[in-house]
PDB file of all heavy atoms in Angstrom:
ATOM      1  N   GLY A   1     -96.886 -31.672 198.420  1.00  0.00           N
ATOM      2  CA  GLY A   1     -98.237 -31.050 198.720  1.00  0.00           C
ATOM      3  C   GLY A   1     -98.954 -31.803 199.804  1.00  0.00           C
ATOM      4  O   GLY A   1     -99.385 -31.265 200.742  1.00  0.00           O
ATOM      5  N   LEU A   2     -98.952 -33.155 199.574  1.00  0.00           N
ATOM      6  CA  LEU A   2     -99.648 -34.014 200.616  1.00  0.00           C
ATOM      7  C   LEU A   2     -98.966 -33.899 201.999  1.00  0.00           C
ATOM      8  O   LEU A   2     -99.517 -33.749 202.993  1.00  0.00           O
ATOM      9  CB  LEU A   2     -99.618 -35.527 200.209  1.00  0.00           C
ATOM     10  CG  LEU A   2    -100.603 -35.784 198.911  1.00  0.00           C
ATOM     11  CD1 LEU A   2    -100.353 -37.219 198.454  1.00  0.00           C
ATOM     12  CD2 LEU A   2    -102.006 -35.567 199.310  1.00  0.00           C
ATOM     13  N   SER A   3     -97.645 -33.934 202.009  1.00  0.00           N
ATOM     14  CA  SER A   3     -96.834 -33.809 203.204  1.00  0.00           C
ATOM     15  C   SER A   3     -97.144 -32.557 203.903  1.00  0.00           C
ATOM     16  O   SER A   3     -97.139 -32.531 205.166  1.00  0.00           O
ATOM     17  CB  SER A   3     -95.329 -34.116 202.969  1.00  0.00           C
ATOM     18  OG  SER A   3     -95.062 -35.331 202.517  1.00  0.00           O
ATOM     19  N   TYR A   4     -97.271 -31.521 203.087  1.00  0.00           N
ATOM     20  CA  TYR A   4     -97.551 -30.176 203.748  1.00  0.00           C
ATOM     21  C   TYR A   4     -98.871 -30.215 204.394  1.00  0.00           C
ATOM     22  O   TYR A   4     -99.043 -29.778 205.534  1.00  0.00           O
ATOM     23  CB  TYR A   4     -97.488 -29.103 202.569  1.00  0.00           C
ATOM     24  CG  TYR A   4     -97.967 -27.699 203.154  1.00  0.00           C
ATOM     25  CD1 TYR A   4     -97.075 -26.854 203.914  1.00  0.00           C
ATOM     26  CD2 TYR A   4     -99.289 -27.276 202.935  1.00  0.00           C
ATOM     27  CE1 TYR A   4     -97.461 -25.651 204.255  1.00  0.00           C
ATOM     28  CE2 TYR A   4     -99.646 -26.110 203.358  1.00  0.00           C
ATOM     29  CZ  TYR A   4     -98.798 -25.211 204.092  1.00  0.00           C
ATOM     30  OH  TYR A   4     -99.167 -24.008 204.498  1.00  0.00           O
ATOM     31  N   TYR A   5     -99.911 -30.694 203.679  1.00  0.00           N
ATOM     32  CA  TYR A   5    -101.198 -30.688 204.351  1.00  0.00           C
ATOM     33  C   TYR A   5    -101.403 -31.713 205.499  1.00  0.00           C
ATOM     34  O   TYR A   5    -102.438 -31.686 206.250  1.00  0.00           O
ATOM     35  CB  TYR A   5    -102.320 -30.908 203.161  1.00  0.00           C
ATOM     36  CG  TYR A   5    -102.591 -29.664 202.348  1.00  0.00           C
ATOM     37  CD1 TYR A   5    -102.231 -29.793 201.047  1.00  0.00           C
ATOM     38  CD2 TYR A   5    -103.076 -28.516 202.847  1.00  0.00           C
ATOM     39  CE1 TYR A   5    -102.364 -28.578 200.217  1.00  0.00           C
ATOM     40  CE2 TYR A   5    -103.236 -27.424 202.113  1.00  0.00           C
ATOM     41  CZ  TYR A   5    -102.859 -27.453 200.688  1.00  0.00           C
ATOM     42  OH  TYR A   5    -103.022 -26.308 199.941  1.00  0.00           O
ATOM     43  N   LEU A   6    -100.515 -32.700 205.583  1.00  0.00           N
ATOM     44  CA  LEU A   6    -100.548 -33.625 206.543  1.00  0.00           C
ATOM     45  C   LEU A   6    -100.018 -33.215 207.823  1.00  0.00           C
ATOM     46  O   LEU A   6    -100.248 -33.814 208.982  1.00  0.00           O
ATOM     47  CB  LEU A   6     -99.788 -34.969 206.094  1.00  0.00           C
ATOM     48  CG  LEU A   6    -100.467 -35.818 205.105  1.00  0.00           C
ATOM     49  CD1 LEU A   6     -99.498 -36.871 204.459  1.00  0.00           C
ATOM     50  CD2 LEU A   6    -101.642 -36.634 205.838  1.00  0.00           C
ATOM     51  N   LYS A   7     -99.260 -32.107 207.827  1.00  0.00           N
ATOM     52  CA  LYS A   7     -98.751 -31.420 209.089  1.00  0.00           C
ATOM     53  C   LYS A   7     -99.924 -30.981 210.023  1.00  0.00           C
ATOM     54  O   LYS A   7    -100.901 -30.500 209.396  1.00  0.00           O
ATOM     55  CB  LYS A   7     -97.889 -30.237 208.815  1.00  0.00           C
ATOM     56  CG  LYS A   7     -96.530 -30.668 208.115  1.00  0.00           C
ATOM     57  CD  LYS A   7     -95.581 -29.463 207.940  1.00  0.00           C
ATOM     58  CE  LYS A   7     -96.037 -28.419 207.066  1.00  0.00           C
ATOM     59  NZ  LYS A   7     -95.069 -27.397 206.826  1.00  0.00           N
ATOM     60  N   PRO A   8     -99.770 -31.048 211.338  1.00  0.00           N
ATOM     61  CA  PRO A   8     -98.634 -31.434 212.071  1.00  0.00           C
ATOM     62  C   PRO A   8     -98.484 -32.846 212.376  1.00  0.00           C
ATOM     63  O   PRO A   8     -97.787 -33.225 213.315  1.00  0.00           O
ATOM     64  CB  PRO A   8     -98.848 -30.651 213.350  1.00  0.00           C
ATOM     65  CG  PRO A   8    -100.398 -30.512 213.659  1.00  0.00           C
ATOM     66  CD  PRO A   8    -100.948 -30.497 212.214  1.00  0.00           C
ATOM     67  N   HIS A   9     -99.339 -33.718 211.883  1.00  0.00           N
ATOM     68  CA  HIS A   9     -99.406 -35.185 212.167  1.00  0.00           C
ATOM     69  C   HIS A   9     -98.085 -35.808 211.663  1.00  0.00           C
ATOM     70  O   HIS A   9     -97.486 -35.386 210.734  1.00  0.00           O
ATOM     71  CB  HIS A   9    -100.591 -35.869 211.528  1.00  0.00           C
ATOM     72  CG  HIS A   9    -101.863 -35.190 212.080  1.00  0.00           C
ATOM     73  ND1 HIS A   9    -102.462 -35.545 213.224  1.00  0.00           N
ATOM     74  CD2 HIS A   9    -102.667 -34.229 211.356  1.00  0.00           C
ATOM     75  CE1 HIS A   9    -103.538 -34.810 213.363  1.00  0.00           C
ATOM     76  NE2 HIS A   9    -103.751 -34.104 212.235  1.00  0.00           N
ATOM     77  N   ALA A  10     -97.788 -36.849 212.403  1.00  0.00           N
ATOM     78  CA  ALA A  10     -96.505 -37.580 212.092  1.00  0.00           C
ATOM     79  C   ALA A  10     -96.744 -38.628 210.923  1.00  0.00           C
ATOM     80  O   ALA A  10     -96.526 -39.818 211.083  1.00  0.00           O
ATOM     81  CB  ALA A  10     -95.942 -38.395 213.204  1.00  0.00           C
ATOM     82  N   VAL A  11     -97.227 -38.020 209.781  1.00  0.00           N
ATOM     83  CA  VAL A  11     -97.456 -38.794 208.653  1.00  0.00           C
ATOM     84  C   VAL A  11     -96.839 -38.079 207.431  1.00  0.00           C
ATOM     85  O   VAL A  11     -97.055 -36.866 207.211  1.00  0.00           O
ATOM     86  CB  VAL A  11     -99.021 -38.969 208.284  1.00  0.00           C
ATOM     87  CG1 VAL A  11     -99.160 -39.855 207.075  1.00  0.00           C
ATOM     88  CG2 VAL A  11     -99.684 -39.489 209.546  1.00  0.00           C
ATOM     89  N   VAL A  12     -95.963 -38.750 206.697  1.00  0.00           N
ATOM     90  CA  VAL A  12     -95.265 -38.100 205.569  1.00  0.00           C
ATOM     91  C   VAL A  12     -95.303 -38.978 204.339  1.00  0.00           C
ATOM     92  O   VAL A  12     -95.227 -40.166 204.272  1.00  0.00           O
ATOM     93  CB  VAL A  12     -93.688 -37.855 206.025  1.00  0.00           C
ATOM     94  CG1 VAL A  12     -92.919 -37.409 204.774  1.00  0.00           C
ATOM     95  CG2 VAL A  12     -93.653 -36.999 207.220  1.00  0.00           C
ATOM     96  N   VAL A  13     -95.453 -38.390 203.177  1.00  0.00           N
ATOM     97  CA  VAL A  13     -95.281 -39.006 201.828  1.00  0.00           C
ATOM     98  C   VAL A  13     -93.892 -39.033 201.445  1.00  0.00           C
ATOM     99  O   VAL A  13     -93.265 -38.028 201.234  1.00  0.00           O
ATOM    100  CB  VAL A  13     -96.235 -38.337 200.737  1.00  0.00           C
ATOM    101  CG1 VAL A  13     -95.998 -38.965 199.473  1.00  0.00           C
ATOM    102  CG2 VAL A  13     -97.679 -38.322 201.289  1.00  0.00           C
ATOM    103  N   LEU A  14     -93.392 -40.211 201.214  1.00  0.00           N
ATOM    104  CA  LEU A  14     -91.915 -40.341 200.787  1.00  0.00           C
ATOM    105  C   LEU A  14     -91.760 -40.316 199.289  1.00  0.00           C
ATOM    106  O   LEU A  14     -90.749 -39.803 198.849  1.00  0.00           O
ATOM    107  CB  LEU A  14     -91.383 -41.677 201.307  1.00  0.00           C
ATOM    108  CG  LEU A  14     -91.399 -41.891 202.855  1.00  0.00           C
ATOM    109  CD1 LEU A  14     -90.959 -43.442 203.138  1.00  0.00           C
ATOM    110  CD2 LEU A  14     -90.604 -40.981 203.601  1.00  0.00           C
ATOM    111  N   ASP A  15     -92.777 -40.772 198.519  1.00  0.00           N
ATOM    112  CA  ASP A  15     -92.748 -40.821 197.142  1.00  0.00           C
ATOM    113  C   ASP A  15     -94.070 -40.862 196.645  1.00  0.00           C
ATOM    114  O   ASP A  15     -95.067 -41.240 197.188  1.00  0.00           O
ATOM    115  CB  ASP A  15     -91.999 -42.176 196.689  1.00  0.00           C
ATOM    116  CG  ASP A  15     -91.242 -42.007 195.336  1.00  0.00           C
ATOM    117  OD1 ASP A  15     -91.530 -41.030 194.611  1.00  0.00           O
ATOM    118  OD2 ASP A  15     -90.542 -42.949 194.972  1.00  0.00           O
ATOM    119  N   ALA A  16     -94.120 -40.443 195.320  1.00  0.00           N
ATOM    120  CA  ALA A  16     -95.498 -40.361 194.551  1.00  0.00           C
ATOM    121  C   ALA A  16     -95.253 -40.588 193.150  1.00  0.00           C
ATOM    122  O   ALA A  16     -94.244 -40.068 192.529  1.00  0.00           O
ATOM    123  CB  ALA A  16     -96.243 -39.007 194.760  1.00  0.00           C
ATOM    124  N   THR A  17     -96.096 -41.428 192.457  1.00  0.00           N
ATOM    125  CA  THR A  17     -95.912 -41.654 191.030  1.00  0.00           C
ATOM    126  C   THR A  17     -97.192 -41.860 190.399  1.00  0.00           C
ATOM    127  O   THR A  17     -98.106 -42.513 191.039  1.00  0.00           O
ATOM    128  CB  THR A  17     -94.844 -42.799 190.896  1.00  0.00           C
ATOM    129  OG1 THR A  17     -94.696 -42.988 189.346  1.00  0.00           O
ATOM    130  CG2 THR A  17     -95.586 -44.113 191.377  1.00  0.00           C
ATOM    131  N   PRO A  18     -97.516 -41.475 189.130  1.00  0.00           N
ATOM    132  CA  PRO A  18     -98.726 -41.824 188.453  1.00  0.00           C
ATOM    133  C   PRO A  18     -98.790 -43.195 188.006  1.00  0.00           C
ATOM    134  O   PRO A  18     -97.773 -43.794 187.708  1.00  0.00           O
ATOM    135  CB  PRO A  18     -98.680 -40.842 187.256  1.00  0.00           C
ATOM    136  CG  PRO A  18     -97.199 -40.626 187.011  1.00  0.00           C
ATOM    137  CD  PRO A  18     -96.517 -40.670 188.302  1.00  0.00           C
ATOM    138  N   VAL A  19     -99.974 -43.838 188.122  1.00  0.00           N
ATOM    139  CA  VAL A  19    -100.107 -45.350 187.781  1.00  0.00           C
ATOM    140  C   VAL A  19    -101.395 -45.382 186.948  1.00  0.00           C
ATOM    141  O   VAL A  19    -102.261 -44.512 186.934  1.00  0.00           O
ATOM    142  CB  VAL A  19    -100.262 -46.218 188.969  1.00  0.00           C
ATOM    143  CG1 VAL A  19     -98.906 -46.330 189.706  1.00  0.00           C
ATOM    144  CG2 VAL A  19    -101.272 -45.783 189.940  1.00  0.00           C
ATOM    145  N   ALA A  20    -101.531 -46.480 186.228  1.00  0.00           N
ATOM    146  CA  ALA A  20    -102.727 -46.827 185.471  1.00  0.00           C
ATOM    147  C   ALA A  20    -103.999 -46.897 186.389  1.00  0.00           C
ATOM    148  O   ALA A  20    -103.917 -47.269 187.450  1.00  0.00           O
ATOM    149  CB  ALA A  20    -102.559 -47.950 184.595  1.00  0.00           C
ATOM    150  N   LEU A  21    -105.099 -46.623 185.750  1.00  0.00           N
ATOM    151  CA  LEU A  21    -106.330 -46.668 186.449  1.00  0.00           C
ATOM    152  C   LEU A  21    -106.641 -48.125 187.003  1.00  0.00           C
ATOM    153  O   LEU A  21    -107.491 -48.312 187.998  1.00  0.00           O
ATOM    154  CB  LEU A  21    -107.490 -46.218 185.750  1.00  0.00           C
ATOM    155  CG  LEU A  21    -107.452 -44.595 185.575  1.00  0.00           C
ATOM    156  CD1 LEU A  21    -108.675 -44.178 184.683  1.00  0.00           C
ATOM    157  CD2 LEU A  21    -107.621 -43.854 186.899  1.00  0.00           C
ATOM    158  N   ASP A  22    -106.084 -49.069 186.327  1.00  0.00           N
ATOM    159  CA  ASP A  22    -106.291 -50.437 186.819  1.00  0.00           C
ATOM    160  C   ASP A  22    -105.329 -51.028 187.717  1.00  0.00           C
ATOM    161  O   ASP A  22    -105.359 -52.286 188.244  1.00  0.00           O
ATOM    162  CB  ASP A  22    -106.454 -51.436 185.671  1.00  0.00           C
ATOM    163  CG  ASP A  22    -105.182 -51.465 184.829  1.00  0.00           C
ATOM    164  OD1 ASP A  22    -104.283 -50.787 185.116  1.00  0.00           O
ATOM    165  OD2 ASP A  22    -105.143 -52.358 183.928  1.00  0.00           O
ATOM    166  N   TRP A  23    -104.372 -50.130 188.112  1.00  0.00           N
ATOM    167  CA  TRP A  23    -103.341 -50.521 189.185  1.00  0.00           C
ATOM    168  C   TRP A  23    -104.007 -50.294 190.573  1.00  0.00           C
ATOM    169  O   TRP A  23    -104.674 -49.265 190.843  1.00  0.00           O
ATOM    170  CB  TRP A  23    -102.085 -49.649 188.992  1.00  0.00           C
ATOM    171  CG  TRP A  23    -100.944 -50.023 189.831  1.00  0.00           C
ATOM    172  CD1 TRP A  23    -100.042 -50.918 189.534  1.00  0.00           C
ATOM    173  CD2 TRP A  23    -100.657 -49.563 191.276  1.00  0.00           C
ATOM    174  NE1 TRP A  23     -99.126 -51.002 190.573  1.00  0.00           N
ATOM    175  CE2 TRP A  23     -99.566 -50.189 191.579  1.00  0.00           C
ATOM    176  CE3 TRP A  23    -101.320 -48.672 192.127  1.00  0.00           C
ATOM    177  CZ2 TRP A  23     -99.008 -50.053 192.913  1.00  0.00           C
ATOM    178  CZ3 TRP A  23    -100.762 -48.475 193.306  1.00  0.00           C
ATOM    179  CH2 TRP A  23     -99.562 -49.172 193.743  1.00  0.00           C
ATOM    180  N   SER A  24    -103.737 -51.233 191.386  1.00  0.00           N
ATOM    181  CA  SER A  24    -104.264 -51.104 192.827  1.00  0.00           C
ATOM    182  C   SER A  24    -103.230 -51.350 193.766  1.00  0.00           C
ATOM    183  O   SER A  24    -102.385 -52.280 193.765  1.00  0.00           O
ATOM    184  CB  SER A  24    -105.372 -52.240 193.012  1.00  0.00           C
ATOM    185  OG  SER A  24    -105.762 -52.360 194.389  1.00  0.00           O
ATOM    186  N   ALA A  25    -103.065 -50.446 194.813  1.00  0.00           N
ATOM    187  CA  ALA A  25    -102.124 -50.582 195.875  1.00  0.00           C
ATOM    188  C   ALA A  25    -102.314 -51.997 196.593  1.00  0.00           C
ATOM    189  O   ALA A  25    -101.354 -52.396 196.995  1.00  0.00           O
ATOM    190  CB  ALA A  25    -102.328 -49.444 196.822  1.00  0.00           C
ATOM    191  N   ARG A  26    -103.654 -52.362 196.697  1.00  0.00           N
ATOM    192  CA  ARG A  26    -103.883 -53.651 197.343  1.00  0.00           C
ATOM    193  C   ARG A  26    -103.755 -54.806 196.576  1.00  0.00           C
ATOM    194  O   ARG A  26    -102.970 -55.788 196.801  1.00  0.00           O
ATOM    195  CB  ARG A  26    -105.392 -53.567 197.883  1.00  0.00           C
ATOM    196  CG  ARG A  26    -105.747 -54.789 198.726  1.00  0.00           C
ATOM    197  CD  ARG A  26    -107.210 -54.700 199.217  1.00  0.00           C
ATOM    198  NE  ARG A  26    -107.635 -55.932 199.805  1.00  0.00           N
ATOM    199  CZ  ARG A  26    -108.964 -56.220 200.179  1.00  0.00           C
ATOM    200  NH1 ARG A  26    -109.843 -55.376 199.958  1.00  0.00           N
ATOM    201  NH2 ARG A  26    -109.208 -57.356 200.773  1.00  0.00           N
ATOM    202  N   PHE A  27    -104.503 -54.807 195.392  1.00  0.00           N
ATOM    203  CA  PHE A  27    -104.631 -56.135 194.539  1.00  0.00           C
ATOM    204  C   PHE A  27    -103.422 -56.246 193.651  1.00  0.00           C
ATOM    205  O   PHE A  27    -103.208 -57.417 193.163  1.00  0.00           O
ATOM    206  CB  PHE A  27    -105.867 -56.086 193.881  1.00  0.00           C
ATOM    207  CG  PHE A  27    -107.048 -56.152 194.737  1.00  0.00           C
ATOM    208  CD1 PHE A  27    -107.903 -55.094 194.852  1.00  0.00           C
ATOM    209  CD2 PHE A  27    -107.371 -57.272 195.473  1.00  0.00           C
ATOM    210  CE1 PHE A  27    -109.089 -55.132 195.658  1.00  0.00           C
ATOM    211  CE2 PHE A  27    -108.452 -57.403 196.318  1.00  0.00           C
ATOM    212  CZ  PHE A  27    -109.404 -56.217 196.405  1.00  0.00           C
ATOM    213  N   SER A  28    -102.671 -55.185 193.386  1.00  0.00           N
ATOM    214  CA  SER A  28    -101.427 -55.392 192.589  1.00  0.00           C
ATOM    215  C   SER A  28    -100.168 -55.742 193.339  1.00  0.00           C
ATOM    216  O   SER A  28     -99.154 -56.103 192.812  1.00  0.00           O
ATOM    217  CB  SER A  28    -101.204 -54.114 191.799  1.00  0.00           C
ATOM    218  OG  SER A  28    -102.184 -53.709 190.913  1.00  0.00           O
ATOM    219  N   ALA A  29    -100.313 -55.810 194.698  1.00  0.00           N
ATOM    220  CA  ALA A  29     -99.174 -56.129 195.589  1.00  0.00           C
ATOM    221  C   ALA A  29     -98.828 -57.593 195.525  1.00  0.00           C
ATOM    222  O   ALA A  29     -99.688 -58.487 195.412  1.00  0.00           O
ATOM    223  CB  ALA A  29     -99.451 -55.727 196.849  1.00  0.00           C
TER     224      ALA A  29
END
């Protein structure tokens, strides 16, 4: 769904997964 709405821009979602609300893409890295 995200990849569809991102068209026609060269941005694609490769993977998606649910995570806990305290998980952070920035601070959990």
